[in-house]
Amino acid sequence: MENRELTIIAAVSTNNVIGNKNKLIWNLPNDLRRFKKLTIGHSIIMGRKTFESLPNPLPNRDNIVITRDTNYSKPDIKVCRSIEDAMSLTKTDIQPFIIGGGEIYSQTINMVDKIELTRVHEKFDGDAYFPEIPLDIFELINEEKYNSDSKNEFDYSFLTYKKR
C-alpha cells in the first residue's frame, strides 16, 4: 500500500528496559492514553509473550500475534508465524503498529518508517530490552517532556522518530 507508515510504539527506560517477567515495570497513565489514541482503529502486531501479558485482546484494534507455536489460537486475534506474514495481514491499514516485545522490536526496527517512543527517565532492572535506535537511519522529529505527577510516577518524554 502506498503511503503506508509502519510504526513501532514502545515505552522504554533510559537503559532500554521495556519489561520484566512479562510485565510492565512502571505505571504511566498518560503513556497508556497516548498508546490507545495512536493505535485505536489500527492493526497491532506483537509477539506471543506480549499478547499474553495483556488481560485481553485490545479492543477496536486488529490484534496480530506472531508465534512459532503452530497450534496457538485465542479468540479475537489473528495468529501468524513471521513478521512477513503479519505484514500481509495489514495490507489495508495505513499505519500498522509493532507493539513488542524485545525480539519483535529487534526484528523490525530497520523495517519501520516511524518510532513512537515514551522514554521513561529512570533506570530499571528487567529482562526485555528495546534495541538501540539507529540514529543514522532515524531522526528525532518531535519531543514532548513531562514531569512526574500524582498519577505518573516518573519523568518521561514522548519522542517521535522518522526514517531519514
N, C-alpha and C. Protein backbone atom coordinates (compact mmCIF):
# COMPACT_ATOMS: atom_id res chain seq x y z
N MET A 1 0.85 -1.18 0.00
CA MET A 1 0.00 0.00 0.00
C MET A 1 0.89 1.25 0.00
N GLU A 2 0.61 2.17 -0.91
CA GLU A 2 1.34 3.43 -0.96
C GLU A 2 1.08 4.25 0.30
N ASN A 3 2.04 5.03 0.69
CA ASN A 3 1.90 5.93 1.85
C ASN A 3 1.60 5.20 3.16
N ARG A 4 1.98 3.96 3.24
CA ARG A 4 1.79 3.21 4.48
C ARG A 4 2.94 3.54 5.42
N GLU A 5 2.63 3.65 6.70
CA GLU A 5 3.65 4.03 7.67
C GLU A 5 3.71 2.99 8.79
N LEU A 6 4.61 2.03 8.64
CA LEU A 6 4.80 1.01 9.67
C LEU A 6 5.48 1.67 10.86
N THR A 7 4.88 1.52 12.04
CA THR A 7 5.32 2.27 13.22
C THR A 7 5.56 1.35 14.40
N ILE A 8 6.72 1.54 15.06
CA ILE A 8 6.97 0.90 16.35
C ILE A 8 6.44 1.84 17.42
N ILE A 9 5.77 1.29 18.42
CA ILE A 9 5.38 2.08 19.59
C ILE A 9 5.86 1.33 20.83
N ALA A 10 6.54 2.06 21.73
CA ALA A 10 7.13 1.41 22.91
C ALA A 10 7.33 2.42 24.02
N ALA A 11 7.35 1.90 25.24
CA ALA A 11 7.76 2.68 26.42
C ALA A 11 9.05 2.04 26.91
N VAL A 12 10.10 2.88 27.06
CA VAL A 12 11.45 2.38 27.25
C VAL A 12 12.16 3.19 28.33
N SER A 13 12.84 2.51 29.25
CA SER A 13 13.60 3.22 30.29
C SER A 13 14.88 3.80 29.69
N THR A 14 15.60 4.60 30.48
CA THR A 14 16.84 5.20 29.98
C THR A 14 17.89 4.13 29.67
N ASN A 15 17.81 2.96 30.31
CA ASN A 15 18.73 1.87 29.99
C ASN A 15 18.07 0.82 29.08
N ASN A 16 17.05 1.25 28.32
CA ASN A 16 16.39 0.45 27.27
C ASN A 16 15.62 -0.77 27.76
N VAL A 17 15.28 -0.82 29.04
CA VAL A 17 14.43 -1.90 29.55
C VAL A 17 12.98 -1.60 29.16
N ILE A 18 12.27 -2.65 28.71
CA ILE A 18 10.85 -2.48 28.38
C ILE A 18 9.95 -3.33 29.27
N GLY A 19 10.53 -4.30 29.97
CA GLY A 19 9.70 -5.14 30.83
C GLY A 19 10.52 -6.07 31.69
N ASN A 20 9.83 -6.72 32.62
CA ASN A 20 10.47 -7.70 33.49
C ASN A 20 9.46 -8.78 33.82
N LYS A 21 9.82 -10.02 33.59
CA LYS A 21 8.94 -11.16 33.86
C LYS A 21 7.57 -10.98 33.19
N ASN A 22 7.62 -10.51 31.94
CA ASN A 22 6.44 -10.31 31.10
C ASN A 22 5.43 -9.32 31.68
N LYS A 23 5.95 -8.31 32.40
CA LYS A 23 5.09 -7.25 32.93
C LYS A 23 5.74 -5.91 32.68
N LEU A 24 4.88 -4.88 32.55
CA LEU A 24 5.38 -3.51 32.53
C LEU A 24 5.91 -3.19 33.92
N ILE A 25 6.90 -2.34 33.99
CA ILE A 25 7.53 -2.05 35.28
C ILE A 25 6.96 -0.78 35.91
N TRP A 26 6.53 0.15 35.10
CA TRP A 26 6.08 1.45 35.60
C TRP A 26 4.61 1.65 35.30
N ASN A 27 4.04 2.61 35.98
CA ASN A 27 2.64 2.98 35.75
C ASN A 27 2.60 4.43 35.29
N LEU A 28 2.36 4.62 34.00
CA LEU A 28 2.25 5.96 33.42
C LEU A 28 0.93 6.05 32.64
N PRO A 29 -0.16 6.43 33.32
CA PRO A 29 -1.45 6.51 32.64
C PRO A 29 -1.41 7.40 31.38
N ASN A 30 -0.61 8.46 31.38
CA ASN A 30 -0.53 9.31 30.19
C ASN A 30 0.06 8.56 29.01
N ASP A 31 1.01 7.66 29.27
CA ASP A 31 1.58 6.83 28.21
C ASP A 31 0.52 5.87 27.67
N LEU A 32 -0.25 5.26 28.56
CA LEU A 32 -1.29 4.32 28.12
C LEU A 32 -2.36 5.04 27.30
N ARG A 33 -2.70 6.26 27.71
CA ARG A 33 -3.67 7.07 26.94
C ARG A 33 -3.14 7.37 25.54
N ARG A 34 -1.87 7.75 25.47
CA ARG A 34 -1.25 8.05 24.16
C ARG A 34 -1.22 6.79 23.29
N PHE A 35 -0.85 5.66 23.89
CA PHE A 35 -0.82 4.38 23.17
C PHE A 35 -2.19 4.09 22.56
N LYS A 36 -3.23 4.24 23.38
CA LYS A 36 -4.59 3.96 22.91
C LYS A 36 -4.98 4.92 21.79
N LYS A 37 -4.71 6.21 21.98
CA LYS A 37 -5.09 7.21 20.99
C LYS A 37 -4.41 6.94 19.64
N LEU A 38 -3.12 6.57 19.67
CA LEU A 38 -2.39 6.33 18.43
C LEU A 38 -2.77 5.03 17.74
N THR A 39 -3.05 3.98 18.52
CA THR A 39 -3.24 2.65 17.91
C THR A 39 -4.69 2.30 17.62
N ILE A 40 -5.65 3.02 18.19
CA ILE A 40 -7.07 2.67 18.01
C ILE A 40 -7.42 2.69 16.52
N GLY A 41 -8.12 1.67 16.08
CA GLY A 41 -8.52 1.57 14.69
C GLY A 41 -7.45 1.01 13.77
N HIS A 42 -6.31 0.62 14.32
CA HIS A 42 -5.21 0.10 13.51
C HIS A 42 -4.89 -1.34 13.88
N SER A 43 -4.04 -1.96 13.07
CA SER A 43 -3.50 -3.28 13.39
C SER A 43 -2.38 -3.11 14.40
N ILE A 44 -2.34 -4.01 15.38
CA ILE A 44 -1.23 -4.04 16.32
C ILE A 44 -0.58 -5.42 16.23
N ILE A 45 0.71 -5.42 15.99
CA ILE A 45 1.48 -6.65 15.78
C ILE A 45 2.35 -6.87 17.01
N MET A 46 2.30 -8.08 17.55
CA MET A 46 3.06 -8.36 18.76
C MET A 46 3.47 -9.82 18.80
N GLY A 47 4.47 -10.09 19.63
CA GLY A 47 4.85 -11.47 19.90
C GLY A 47 3.89 -12.10 20.89
N ARG A 48 3.96 -13.41 20.99
CA ARG A 48 3.05 -14.16 21.87
C ARG A 48 3.18 -13.73 23.33
N LYS A 49 4.42 -13.56 23.81
CA LYS A 49 4.58 -13.18 25.22
C LYS A 49 3.97 -11.81 25.51
N THR A 50 4.11 -10.89 24.58
CA THR A 50 3.48 -9.57 24.75
C THR A 50 1.97 -9.73 24.80
N PHE A 51 1.41 -10.54 23.89
CA PHE A 51 -0.03 -10.76 23.91
C PHE A 51 -0.47 -11.36 25.24
N GLU A 52 0.29 -12.33 25.73
CA GLU A 52 -0.10 -13.00 26.98
C GLU A 52 0.07 -12.09 28.20
N SER A 53 0.79 -10.99 28.05
CA SER A 53 0.90 -10.04 29.16
C SER A 53 -0.32 -9.12 29.25
N LEU A 54 -1.14 -9.14 28.21
CA LEU A 54 -2.36 -8.31 28.18
C LEU A 54 -3.51 -9.07 28.84
N PRO A 55 -4.44 -8.33 29.46
CA PRO A 55 -5.59 -9.04 30.05
C PRO A 55 -6.50 -9.65 28.99
N ASN A 56 -6.62 -9.00 27.84
CA ASN A 56 -7.48 -9.45 26.73
C ASN A 56 -6.92 -8.85 25.45
N PRO A 57 -7.41 -9.33 24.28
CA PRO A 57 -7.06 -8.61 23.06
C PRO A 57 -7.49 -7.15 23.20
N LEU A 58 -6.69 -6.24 22.66
CA LEU A 58 -7.01 -4.82 22.81
C LEU A 58 -8.18 -4.46 21.91
N PRO A 59 -9.21 -3.82 22.46
CA PRO A 59 -10.42 -3.53 21.69
C PRO A 59 -10.19 -2.48 20.60
N ASN A 60 -11.01 -2.57 19.56
CA ASN A 60 -11.01 -1.61 18.44
C ASN A 60 -9.67 -1.57 17.72
N ARG A 61 -8.96 -2.69 17.75
CA ARG A 61 -7.71 -2.86 17.03
C ARG A 61 -7.66 -4.28 16.50
N ASP A 62 -6.95 -4.46 15.40
CA ASP A 62 -6.75 -5.78 14.82
C ASP A 62 -5.53 -6.39 15.50
N ASN A 63 -5.74 -7.32 16.44
CA ASN A 63 -4.65 -7.93 17.21
C ASN A 63 -4.02 -9.07 16.41
N ILE A 64 -2.73 -8.89 16.07
CA ILE A 64 -2.00 -9.89 15.29
C ILE A 64 -0.85 -10.39 16.16
N VAL A 65 -0.80 -11.71 16.38
CA VAL A 65 0.19 -12.30 17.28
C VAL A 65 1.12 -13.21 16.47
N ILE A 66 2.42 -12.96 16.63
CA ILE A 66 3.43 -13.78 15.97
C ILE A 66 3.94 -14.82 16.96
N THR A 67 3.89 -16.08 16.54
CA THR A 67 4.40 -17.16 17.40
C THR A 67 4.91 -18.30 16.53
N ARG A 68 5.85 -19.05 17.08
CA ARG A 68 6.35 -20.25 16.39
C ARG A 68 5.44 -21.45 16.66
N ASP A 69 4.56 -21.33 17.66
CA ASP A 69 3.66 -22.42 18.05
C ASP A 69 2.55 -22.56 17.01
N THR A 70 2.62 -23.62 16.22
CA THR A 70 1.66 -23.80 15.12
C THR A 70 0.24 -24.09 15.60
N ASN A 71 0.08 -24.46 16.87
CA ASN A 71 -1.26 -24.75 17.41
C ASN A 71 -1.85 -23.59 18.20
N TYR A 72 -1.13 -22.48 18.27
CA TYR A 72 -1.58 -21.36 19.10
C TYR A 72 -2.82 -20.72 18.52
N SER A 73 -3.83 -20.50 19.35
CA SER A 73 -5.00 -19.77 18.89
C SER A 73 -5.77 -19.27 20.10
N LYS A 74 -6.32 -18.09 19.96
CA LYS A 74 -7.13 -17.46 21.01
C LYS A 74 -8.25 -16.71 20.29
N PRO A 75 -9.37 -16.48 20.98
CA PRO A 75 -10.45 -15.73 20.34
C PRO A 75 -10.01 -14.29 20.05
N ASP A 76 -10.52 -13.74 18.98
CA ASP A 76 -10.37 -12.32 18.63
C ASP A 76 -8.95 -11.89 18.29
N ILE A 77 -8.09 -12.84 17.88
CA ILE A 77 -6.77 -12.47 17.40
C ILE A 77 -6.49 -13.20 16.09
N LYS A 78 -5.54 -12.69 15.34
CA LYS A 78 -5.02 -13.39 14.17
C LYS A 78 -3.63 -13.87 14.54
N VAL A 79 -3.34 -15.12 14.22
CA VAL A 79 -2.04 -15.71 14.55
C VAL A 79 -1.26 -15.92 13.27
N CYS A 80 0.04 -15.59 13.33
CA CYS A 80 0.90 -15.85 12.19
C CYS A 80 2.27 -16.27 12.67
N ARG A 81 3.13 -16.66 11.75
CA ARG A 81 4.43 -17.24 12.10
C ARG A 81 5.60 -16.29 11.96
N SER A 82 5.42 -15.15 11.25
CA SER A 82 6.56 -14.29 10.98
C SER A 82 6.12 -12.84 10.80
N ILE A 83 7.10 -11.95 10.83
CA ILE A 83 6.84 -10.53 10.56
C ILE A 83 6.22 -10.38 9.17
N GLU A 84 6.76 -11.10 8.21
CA GLU A 84 6.26 -11.01 6.83
C GLU A 84 4.79 -11.42 6.76
N ASP A 85 4.44 -12.51 7.46
CA ASP A 85 3.03 -12.94 7.49
C ASP A 85 2.16 -11.88 8.16
N ALA A 86 2.67 -11.31 9.25
CA ALA A 86 1.92 -10.26 9.95
C ALA A 86 1.68 -9.07 9.02
N MET A 87 2.70 -8.69 8.27
CA MET A 87 2.57 -7.55 7.35
C MET A 87 1.52 -7.84 6.28
N SER A 88 1.45 -9.07 5.82
CA SER A 88 0.46 -9.40 4.79
C SER A 88 -0.96 -9.31 5.33
N LEU A 89 -1.13 -9.43 6.65
CA LEU A 89 -2.45 -9.30 7.27
C LEU A 89 -2.86 -7.84 7.50
N THR A 90 -1.95 -6.90 7.22
CA THR A 90 -2.24 -5.48 7.49
C THR A 90 -2.30 -4.67 6.20
N LYS A 91 -2.49 -5.33 5.08
CA LYS A 91 -2.42 -4.64 3.78
C LYS A 91 -3.33 -3.43 3.64
N THR A 92 -4.47 -3.42 4.31
CA THR A 92 -5.41 -2.31 4.15
C THR A 92 -5.22 -1.22 5.22
N ASP A 93 -4.28 -1.41 6.14
CA ASP A 93 -4.07 -0.45 7.23
C ASP A 93 -2.96 0.53 6.82
N ILE A 94 -3.26 1.83 6.88
CA ILE A 94 -2.24 2.82 6.50
C ILE A 94 -1.18 3.01 7.57
N GLN A 95 -1.45 2.57 8.82
CA GLN A 95 -0.45 2.70 9.87
C GLN A 95 -0.53 1.54 10.86
N PRO A 96 -0.01 0.36 10.48
CA PRO A 96 0.06 -0.73 11.44
C PRO A 96 1.14 -0.43 12.49
N PHE A 97 0.94 -0.93 13.71
CA PHE A 97 1.86 -0.68 14.81
C PHE A 97 2.49 -1.98 15.29
N ILE A 98 3.80 -1.94 15.52
CA ILE A 98 4.53 -3.02 16.19
C ILE A 98 4.54 -2.65 17.66
N ILE A 99 3.98 -3.52 18.53
CA ILE A 99 3.86 -3.14 19.95
C ILE A 99 4.73 -3.99 20.88
N GLY A 100 5.58 -4.85 20.34
CA GLY A 100 6.51 -5.58 21.20
C GLY A 100 6.43 -7.07 20.99
N GLY A 101 7.26 -7.75 21.72
CA GLY A 101 8.25 -7.31 22.67
C GLY A 101 9.63 -7.12 22.07
N GLY A 102 10.63 -7.31 22.92
CA GLY A 102 12.00 -7.02 22.56
C GLY A 102 12.47 -7.71 21.29
N GLU A 103 12.15 -8.99 21.15
CA GLU A 103 12.58 -9.74 19.97
C GLU A 103 11.92 -9.19 18.70
N ILE A 104 10.64 -8.88 18.78
CA ILE A 104 9.91 -8.34 17.63
C ILE A 104 10.44 -6.94 17.28
N TYR A 105 10.70 -6.12 18.30
CA TYR A 105 11.29 -4.79 18.04
C TYR A 105 12.63 -4.93 17.32
N SER A 106 13.47 -5.85 17.78
CA SER A 106 14.79 -6.04 17.16
C SER A 106 14.67 -6.48 15.71
N GLN A 107 13.68 -7.33 15.43
CA GLN A 107 13.50 -7.83 14.06
C GLN A 107 12.95 -6.76 13.12
N THR A 108 12.27 -5.75 13.66
CA THR A 108 11.57 -4.80 12.79
C THR A 108 12.14 -3.39 12.78
N ILE A 109 13.07 -3.07 13.67
CA ILE A 109 13.49 -1.67 13.81
C ILE A 109 14.05 -1.09 12.50
N ASN A 110 14.70 -1.91 11.70
CA ASN A 110 15.24 -1.40 10.43
C ASN A 110 14.21 -1.39 9.30
N MET A 111 13.03 -1.97 9.55
CA MET A 111 11.96 -2.03 8.54
C MET A 111 10.97 -0.88 8.66
N VAL A 112 10.85 -0.33 9.88
CA VAL A 112 9.77 0.62 10.14
C VAL A 112 10.06 2.01 9.60
N ASP A 113 8.99 2.79 9.44
CA ASP A 113 9.09 4.16 8.95
C ASP A 113 9.15 5.16 10.09
N LYS A 114 8.63 4.75 11.25
CA LYS A 114 8.45 5.69 12.36
C LYS A 114 8.56 4.95 13.68
N ILE A 115 9.04 5.65 14.71
CA ILE A 115 9.08 5.10 16.06
C ILE A 115 8.41 6.11 16.99
N GLU A 116 7.38 5.67 17.69
CA GLU A 116 6.72 6.48 18.71
C GLU A 116 7.19 5.92 20.05
N LEU A 117 8.05 6.66 20.73
CA LEU A 117 8.69 6.17 21.93
C LEU A 117 8.30 7.00 23.14
N THR A 118 7.98 6.34 24.22
CA THR A 118 7.88 7.01 25.51
C THR A 118 9.16 6.67 26.25
N ARG A 119 9.98 7.68 26.49
CA ARG A 119 11.24 7.47 27.22
C ARG A 119 10.98 7.76 28.69
N VAL A 120 11.07 6.73 29.52
CA VAL A 120 10.89 6.86 30.96
C VAL A 120 12.26 7.22 31.53
N HIS A 121 12.35 8.40 32.15
CA HIS A 121 13.65 8.92 32.59
C HIS A 121 14.07 8.32 33.93
N GLU A 122 14.36 7.03 33.87
CA GLU A 122 14.74 6.27 35.06
C GLU A 122 15.37 4.98 34.56
N LYS A 123 16.26 4.40 35.36
CA LYS A 123 16.85 3.10 35.03
C LYS A 123 16.11 2.00 35.80
N PHE A 124 15.91 0.87 35.13
CA PHE A 124 15.20 -0.25 35.74
C PHE A 124 15.93 -1.55 35.46
N ASP A 125 15.73 -2.53 36.34
CA ASP A 125 16.17 -3.89 36.07
C ASP A 125 15.06 -4.57 35.29
N GLY A 126 15.44 -5.35 34.30
CA GLY A 126 14.43 -6.06 33.53
C GLY A 126 15.06 -7.16 32.71
N ASP A 127 14.20 -7.89 32.00
CA ASP A 127 14.70 -8.99 31.16
C ASP A 127 14.28 -8.84 29.70
N ALA A 128 13.64 -7.71 29.38
CA ALA A 128 13.25 -7.44 27.98
C ALA A 128 13.75 -6.04 27.64
N TYR A 129 14.37 -5.93 26.47
CA TYR A 129 15.03 -4.68 26.10
C TYR A 129 14.59 -4.19 24.73
N PHE A 130 14.63 -2.87 24.58
CA PHE A 130 14.40 -2.23 23.29
C PHE A 130 15.76 -2.07 22.61
N PRO A 131 15.83 -2.32 21.30
CA PRO A 131 17.12 -2.16 20.62
C PRO A 131 17.55 -0.69 20.56
N GLU A 132 18.84 -0.46 20.37
CA GLU A 132 19.33 0.90 20.16
C GLU A 132 18.69 1.44 18.88
N ILE A 133 18.26 2.67 18.92
CA ILE A 133 17.69 3.30 17.71
C ILE A 133 18.85 3.72 16.81
N PRO A 134 18.89 3.21 15.58
CA PRO A 134 19.98 3.58 14.67
C PRO A 134 19.79 5.03 14.18
N LEU A 135 20.52 5.95 14.80
CA LEU A 135 20.33 7.37 14.50
C LEU A 135 20.86 7.78 13.13
N ASP A 136 21.58 6.87 12.48
CA ASP A 136 21.97 7.13 11.09
C ASP A 136 20.78 6.89 10.15
N ILE A 137 19.78 6.16 10.64
CA ILE A 137 18.58 5.85 9.85
C ILE A 137 17.39 6.72 10.28
N PHE A 138 17.32 7.02 11.58
CA PHE A 138 16.18 7.76 12.13
C PHE A 138 16.59 9.11 12.67
N GLU A 139 15.69 10.09 12.51
CA GLU A 139 15.92 11.38 13.13
C GLU A 139 14.75 11.70 14.05
N LEU A 140 15.08 12.36 15.17
CA LEU A 140 14.07 12.78 16.12
C LEU A 140 13.34 13.99 15.53
N ILE A 141 12.00 13.87 15.35
CA ILE A 141 11.26 14.98 14.76
C ILE A 141 10.33 15.67 15.75
N ASN A 142 10.10 15.03 16.91
CA ASN A 142 9.26 15.66 17.92
C ASN A 142 9.61 15.14 19.30
N GLU A 143 9.59 16.04 20.29
CA GLU A 143 9.89 15.66 21.67
C GLU A 143 9.03 16.50 22.60
N GLU A 144 8.30 15.81 23.48
CA GLU A 144 7.48 16.48 24.49
C GLU A 144 7.89 15.93 25.85
N LYS A 145 8.38 16.81 26.74
CA LYS A 145 8.85 16.37 28.06
C LYS A 145 7.78 16.61 29.12
N TYR A 146 7.67 15.66 30.04
CA TYR A 146 6.70 15.75 31.13
C TYR A 146 7.36 15.37 32.44
N ASN A 147 6.98 16.05 33.50
CA ASN A 147 7.46 15.71 34.83
C ASN A 147 6.50 14.75 35.50
N SER A 148 7.01 14.00 36.46
CA SER A 148 6.15 13.10 37.22
C SER A 148 5.08 13.94 37.92
N ASP A 149 3.96 13.30 38.23
CA ASP A 149 2.88 13.98 38.94
C ASP A 149 2.17 12.95 39.81
N SER A 150 1.02 13.30 40.35
CA SER A 150 0.34 12.40 41.28
C SER A 150 -0.09 11.08 40.61
N LYS A 151 -0.26 11.08 39.29
CA LYS A 151 -0.69 9.87 38.60
C LYS A 151 0.44 9.16 37.84
N ASN A 152 1.44 9.92 37.42
CA ASN A 152 2.56 9.39 36.63
C ASN A 152 3.83 9.50 37.46
N GLU A 153 4.33 8.34 37.92
CA GLU A 153 5.36 8.37 38.97
C GLU A 153 6.76 8.74 38.51
N PHE A 154 7.02 8.77 37.21
CA PHE A 154 8.36 9.10 36.72
C PHE A 154 8.29 10.22 35.68
N ASP A 155 9.40 10.97 35.55
CA ASP A 155 9.52 11.90 34.44
C ASP A 155 9.59 11.08 33.16
N TYR A 156 9.04 11.61 32.07
CA TYR A 156 9.03 10.89 30.80
C TYR A 156 8.95 11.88 29.65
N SER A 157 9.27 11.39 28.47
CA SER A 157 9.15 12.18 27.25
C SER A 157 8.48 11.35 26.17
N PHE A 158 7.67 12.00 25.36
CA PHE A 158 7.13 11.38 24.16
C PHE A 158 8.04 11.80 23.01
N LEU A 159 8.64 10.81 22.34
CA LEU A 159 9.58 11.07 21.26
C LEU A 159 9.05 10.45 19.97
N THR A 160 9.16 11.18 18.88
CA THR A 160 8.79 10.64 17.58
C THR A 160 10.01 10.69 16.67
N TYR A 161 10.37 9.51 16.16
CA TYR A 161 11.49 9.39 15.22
C TYR A 161 10.91 9.01 13.86
N LYS A 162 11.48 9.57 12.81
CA LYS A 162 11.05 9.26 11.46
C LYS A 162 12.27 8.79 10.67
N LYS A 163 12.06 7.84 9.77
CA LYS A 163 13.14 7.36 8.93
C LYS A 163 13.63 8.52 8.05
N ARG A 164 14.95 8.66 7.95
CA ARG A 164 15.54 9.75 7.15
C ARG A 164 15.27 9.55 5.68
